[in-house]
Amino acid sequence: MNRGIFISVRTGSTRLPNKSILKIKDKFTIEYVINSAKQSKYADKIILCTTNNSHDDILCDIAKDNGIDFYRGDEHNKFRRWYWTSVEFDIDVVVTADGDDLFYDSKLADICFEQIEDNDVINGQGLYNDVYGFKSHTLQNILDISRNKIIEPHEAIEFLKDKNFKINDLKDVPNFLKKKNIRMTLDYQEDFEFFKTIIENLNDDFTFNDVLNYIEDNKSVVDINYFRETDWKKNQ
């Protein structure tokens, strides 16, 4: 089977404009996600999934500069974008990564790849970075069932639970990847300051463990943005 990590990203954002192309240490924020996804042991392709909006041209350029593929599709329906990406690149198994998750750890993707074989969907909600695994034909089935209704990824498990899909939660996740009271997603200016503070104090080849160790030694960094978690949940 061909395996792909699909990084969903677009420049359009009302809370933090152009958040995916802000820079920290001379790198676009989206490049931190790309670099981590490249560490996967199993992914045959890393594909940046963006939109047909002309504002997202820069994201395609970033993908090319980083040696990965890209696909441009539906601006609002991620499942449609993911499905047609799988068709375009002949991908059988998809694991998702969100462009907002600068500290994405490819170990989550690899665990999804290991556990998807006998399932239609792997549910990795509730971790530092939500991650999902799908068979490509499952994406097509989801589109058929939804009938043009836009289903957000965080809504997908609830939407699918009574619809004859084999869904299992991600198992055997290392403890260090299980979410604690730390906010690690880029939606607000305070989130950017959180990421910037940490990244500027780490080596360029930092790992997720390095991030956690820095936070352990500098606990107040969590206060930069954690209060935004309530705002984010209300928006969801």
Protein backbone atom coordinates (compact mmCIF):
# COMPACT_ATOMS: atom_id res chain seq x y z
CA MET A 1 0.00 0.00 0.00
CA ASN A 2 1.12 3.54 -0.70
CA ARG A 3 1.13 5.62 2.48
CA GLY A 4 0.94 9.38 2.68
CA ILE A 5 0.98 12.07 5.35
CA PHE A 6 -1.34 14.88 4.27
CA ILE A 7 -0.55 18.28 5.79
CA SER A 8 -3.67 20.45 5.70
CA VAL A 9 -2.93 24.16 5.53
CA ARG A 10 -4.15 27.42 4.05
CA THR A 11 -3.24 31.05 4.56
CA GLY A 12 -6.80 32.19 5.27
CA SER A 13 -7.29 32.78 8.98
CA THR A 14 -9.39 35.35 10.79
CA ARG A 15 -7.85 35.01 14.25
CA LEU A 16 -4.20 35.11 13.18
CA PRO A 17 -3.83 36.21 9.54
CA ASN A 18 -1.28 34.31 7.45
CA LYS A 19 -0.31 32.19 10.45
CA SER A 20 1.18 29.43 8.28
CA ILE A 21 3.70 31.82 6.71
CA LEU A 22 4.80 33.71 9.79
CA LYS A 23 8.48 33.15 10.51
CA ILE A 24 10.39 31.85 13.51
CA LYS A 25 14.19 31.65 13.21
CA ASP A 26 13.97 32.30 9.46
CA LYS A 27 11.58 29.39 8.86
CA PHE A 28 7.92 29.59 7.93
CA THR A 29 5.79 28.03 10.66
CA ILE A 30 4.50 25.41 8.22
CA GLU A 31 8.07 24.24 7.62
CA TYR A 32 8.28 22.94 11.18
CA VAL A 33 5.37 20.62 10.43
CA ILE A 34 6.90 19.56 7.12
CA ASN A 35 10.25 18.78 8.73
CA SER A 36 8.66 16.62 11.39
CA ALA A 37 6.47 14.72 8.92
CA LYS A 38 9.60 13.90 6.92
CA GLN A 39 10.86 11.89 9.91
CA SER A 40 8.16 9.24 9.41
CA LYS A 41 9.46 5.70 8.98
CA TYR A 42 6.51 4.60 6.86
CA ALA A 43 5.24 7.50 4.73
CA ASP A 44 5.95 7.07 1.04
CA LYS A 45 4.91 10.65 0.39
CA ILE A 46 4.47 13.86 2.35
CA ILE A 47 1.86 16.01 0.58
CA LEU A 48 0.84 19.55 1.45
CA CYS A 49 -2.93 19.84 0.93
CA THR A 50 -3.98 23.41 0.32
CA THR A 51 -6.63 25.31 -1.63
CA ASN A 52 -7.19 26.78 -5.07
CA ASN A 53 -7.19 30.26 -3.57
CA SER A 54 -4.45 32.39 -5.15
CA HIS A 55 -3.34 33.50 -1.67
CA ASP A 56 -2.11 29.93 -1.15
CA ASP A 57 0.36 30.06 -4.05
CA ILE A 58 3.10 30.74 -1.51
CA LEU A 59 2.34 27.46 0.27
CA CYS A 60 2.89 25.54 -2.95
CA ASP A 61 6.23 27.31 -3.36
CA ILE A 62 7.18 26.35 0.20
CA ALA A 63 6.26 22.72 -0.53
CA LYS A 64 8.46 22.70 -3.63
CA ASP A 65 11.33 24.35 -1.76
CA ASN A 66 11.10 21.62 0.88
CA GLY A 67 11.04 18.78 -1.63
CA ILE A 68 7.48 17.59 -1.03
CA ASP A 69 4.40 17.38 -3.24
CA PHE A 70 1.30 19.54 -2.98
CA TYR A 71 -2.33 19.36 -4.00
CA ARG A 72 -4.79 22.21 -4.40
CA GLY A 73 -8.48 21.58 -3.81
CA ASP A 74 -11.63 22.53 -1.95
CA GLU A 75 -11.06 25.47 0.40
CA HIS A 76 -13.48 24.37 3.13
CA ASN A 77 -14.10 20.62 2.76
CA LYS A 78 -10.97 18.83 4.00
CA PHE A 79 -12.37 15.38 3.28
CA ARG A 80 -12.89 16.30 -0.35
CA ARG A 81 -9.38 17.75 -0.48
CA TRP A 82 -7.89 14.64 1.13
CA TYR A 83 -9.78 12.25 -1.13
CA TRP A 84 -8.71 13.92 -4.35
CA THR A 85 -5.16 14.19 -3.08
CA SER A 86 -5.21 10.41 -2.56
CA VAL A 87 -6.48 9.93 -6.10
CA GLU A 88 -3.93 12.30 -7.62
CA PHE A 89 -0.97 10.61 -5.91
CA ASP A 90 -2.30 7.03 -5.76
CA ILE A 91 -2.29 6.92 -1.95
CA ASP A 92 -4.01 3.98 -0.25
CA VAL A 93 -3.57 4.99 3.40
CA VAL A 94 -3.74 8.58 4.64
CA VAL A 95 -2.55 9.98 7.95
CA THR A 96 -3.33 13.60 8.68
CA ALA A 97 -1.21 16.43 10.00
CA ASP A 98 -2.48 19.92 10.69
CA GLY A 99 -0.51 22.95 9.63
CA ASP A 100 -1.30 24.55 13.00
CA ASP A 101 0.61 21.84 14.89
CA LEU A 102 4.18 23.11 14.84
CA PHE A 103 5.32 20.43 17.29
CA TYR A 104 3.70 17.59 15.32
CA ASP A 105 5.51 14.33 16.05
CA SER A 106 5.80 11.82 13.20
CA LYS A 107 5.69 8.98 15.74
CA LEU A 108 1.92 9.55 15.90
CA ALA A 109 1.69 9.14 12.14
CA ASP A 110 3.73 5.95 12.25
CA ILE A 111 1.53 4.45 14.98
CA CYS A 112 -1.49 5.24 12.77
CA PHE A 113 0.14 3.50 9.82
CA GLU A 114 0.85 0.45 11.99
CA GLN A 115 -2.75 0.20 13.23
CA ILE A 116 -4.81 1.13 10.16
CA GLU A 117 -4.50 -2.16 8.25
CA ASP A 118 -7.55 -3.85 9.80
CA ASN A 119 -9.53 -0.64 10.25
CA ASP A 120 -11.24 2.00 8.15
CA VAL A 121 -10.44 4.87 10.51
CA ILE A 122 -7.95 5.39 13.32
CA ASN A 123 -8.99 8.06 15.80
CA GLY A 124 -6.17 9.98 17.45
CA GLN A 125 -8.17 12.73 19.12
CA GLY A 126 -7.25 14.12 22.52
CA LEU A 127 -3.47 14.10 22.07
CA TYR A 128 -1.16 17.10 21.80
CA ASN A 129 -1.77 16.95 18.07
CA ASP A 130 -4.97 15.29 16.85
CA VAL A 131 -4.17 12.76 14.18
CA TYR A 132 -6.38 10.53 12.04
CA GLY A 133 -5.75 7.57 9.78
CA PHE A 134 -8.02 6.75 6.83
CA LYS A 135 -8.09 4.28 4.00
CA SER A 136 -8.54 6.22 0.76
CA HIS A 137 -11.75 4.34 -0.08
CA THR A 138 -13.06 5.34 3.34
CA LEU A 139 -12.59 9.00 2.40
CA GLN A 140 -14.71 8.38 -0.70
CA ASN A 141 -17.39 6.69 1.40
CA ILE A 142 -17.43 9.61 3.83
CA LEU A 143 -17.99 12.04 0.96
CA ASP A 144 -20.82 9.88 -0.39
CA ILE A 145 -22.54 9.71 2.98
CA SER A 146 -22.09 13.36 3.88
CA ARG A 147 -23.73 14.50 0.61
CA ASN A 148 -21.82 17.78 0.38
CA LYS A 149 -22.22 18.56 4.07
CA ILE A 150 -18.92 19.83 5.40
CA ILE A 151 -17.68 17.57 8.19
CA GLU A 152 -14.78 18.94 10.20
CA PRO A 153 -12.17 16.36 11.24
CA HIS A 154 -12.97 16.78 14.95
CA GLU A 155 -16.62 15.96 14.12
CA ALA A 156 -15.85 12.93 11.97
CA ILE A 157 -15.78 10.20 14.61
CA GLU A 158 -19.17 11.18 16.02
CA PHE A 159 -20.59 11.48 12.49
CA LEU A 160 -19.35 8.02 11.48
CA LYS A 161 -20.03 6.02 14.63
CA ASP A 162 -23.35 4.50 13.44
CA LYS A 163 -22.42 4.15 9.78
CA ASN A 164 -20.78 0.74 9.46
CA PHE A 165 -17.16 1.84 9.56
CA LYS A 166 -14.52 -0.01 11.54
CA ILE A 167 -13.15 2.72 13.79
CA ASN A 168 -10.58 2.23 16.50
CA ASP A 169 -8.83 4.65 18.83
CA LEU A 170 -5.10 5.01 18.50
CA LYS A 171 -3.50 2.57 20.93
CA ASP A 172 -0.12 2.21 22.62
CA VAL A 173 0.63 5.92 22.43
CA PRO A 174 3.78 6.79 24.42
CA ASN A 175 2.99 8.77 27.55
CA PHE A 176 5.00 11.78 26.45
CA LEU A 177 2.61 12.25 23.51
CA LYS A 178 -0.52 12.22 25.66
CA LYS A 179 -1.94 15.68 26.16
CA LYS A 180 -1.49 17.51 29.42
CA ASN A 181 -2.44 21.09 30.27
CA ILE A 182 -0.35 22.62 27.51
CA ARG A 183 -1.76 24.28 24.41
CA MET A 184 0.18 23.39 21.25
CA THR A 185 -1.78 24.71 18.29
CA LEU A 186 -1.40 27.93 16.32
CA ASP A 187 -4.60 29.98 16.25
CA TYR A 188 -3.89 33.20 18.13
CA GLN A 189 -1.07 35.69 18.54
CA GLU A 190 -0.38 34.25 21.98
CA ASP A 191 0.06 30.81 20.41
CA PHE A 192 2.65 32.27 18.07
CA GLU A 193 4.49 33.81 21.03
CA PHE A 194 4.42 30.42 22.79
CA PHE A 195 5.98 28.61 19.82
CA LYS A 196 8.44 31.42 19.16
CA THR A 197 9.66 31.49 22.76
CA ILE A 198 10.35 27.76 22.77
CA ILE A 199 11.84 27.40 19.30
CA GLU A 200 14.20 30.32 19.78
CA ASN A 201 15.61 28.57 22.84
CA LEU A 202 16.20 25.20 21.19
CA ASN A 203 18.67 23.86 18.65
CA ASP A 204 17.51 23.80 15.03
CA ASP A 205 17.19 19.99 15.06
CA PHE A 206 15.02 19.89 18.19
CA THR A 207 12.71 16.97 18.93
CA PHE A 208 9.37 16.86 20.71
CA ASN A 209 11.15 15.58 23.79
CA ASP A 210 13.36 18.67 23.67
CA VAL A 211 10.20 20.79 23.65
CA LEU A 212 8.77 18.99 26.67
CA ASN A 213 12.07 19.23 28.54
CA TYR A 214 12.23 22.97 27.89
CA ILE A 215 8.67 23.40 29.19
CA GLU A 216 9.48 21.32 32.27
CA ASP A 217 12.40 23.63 33.02
CA ASN A 218 10.45 26.79 32.15
CA LYS A 219 6.92 26.09 33.34
CA SER A 220 5.72 29.68 33.02
CA VAL A 221 5.89 29.43 29.20
CA VAL A 222 2.61 27.50 29.35
CA ASP A 223 0.88 30.63 30.66
CA ILE A 224 1.62 32.55 27.47
CA ASN A 225 -1.27 30.95 25.62
CA TYR A 226 -3.08 28.35 27.71
CA PHE A 227 -5.92 30.74 28.54
CA ARG A 228 -6.76 30.66 24.83
CA GLU A 229 -7.82 27.01 25.12
CA THR A 230 -11.27 28.09 26.32
CA ASP A 231 -11.67 30.47 23.36
CA TRP A 232 -10.60 27.76 20.94
CA LYS A 233 -13.06 25.21 22.34
CA LYS A 234 -15.92 27.72 22.08
CA ASN A 235 -14.99 28.34 18.44
CA GLN A 236 -14.93 24.60 17.70
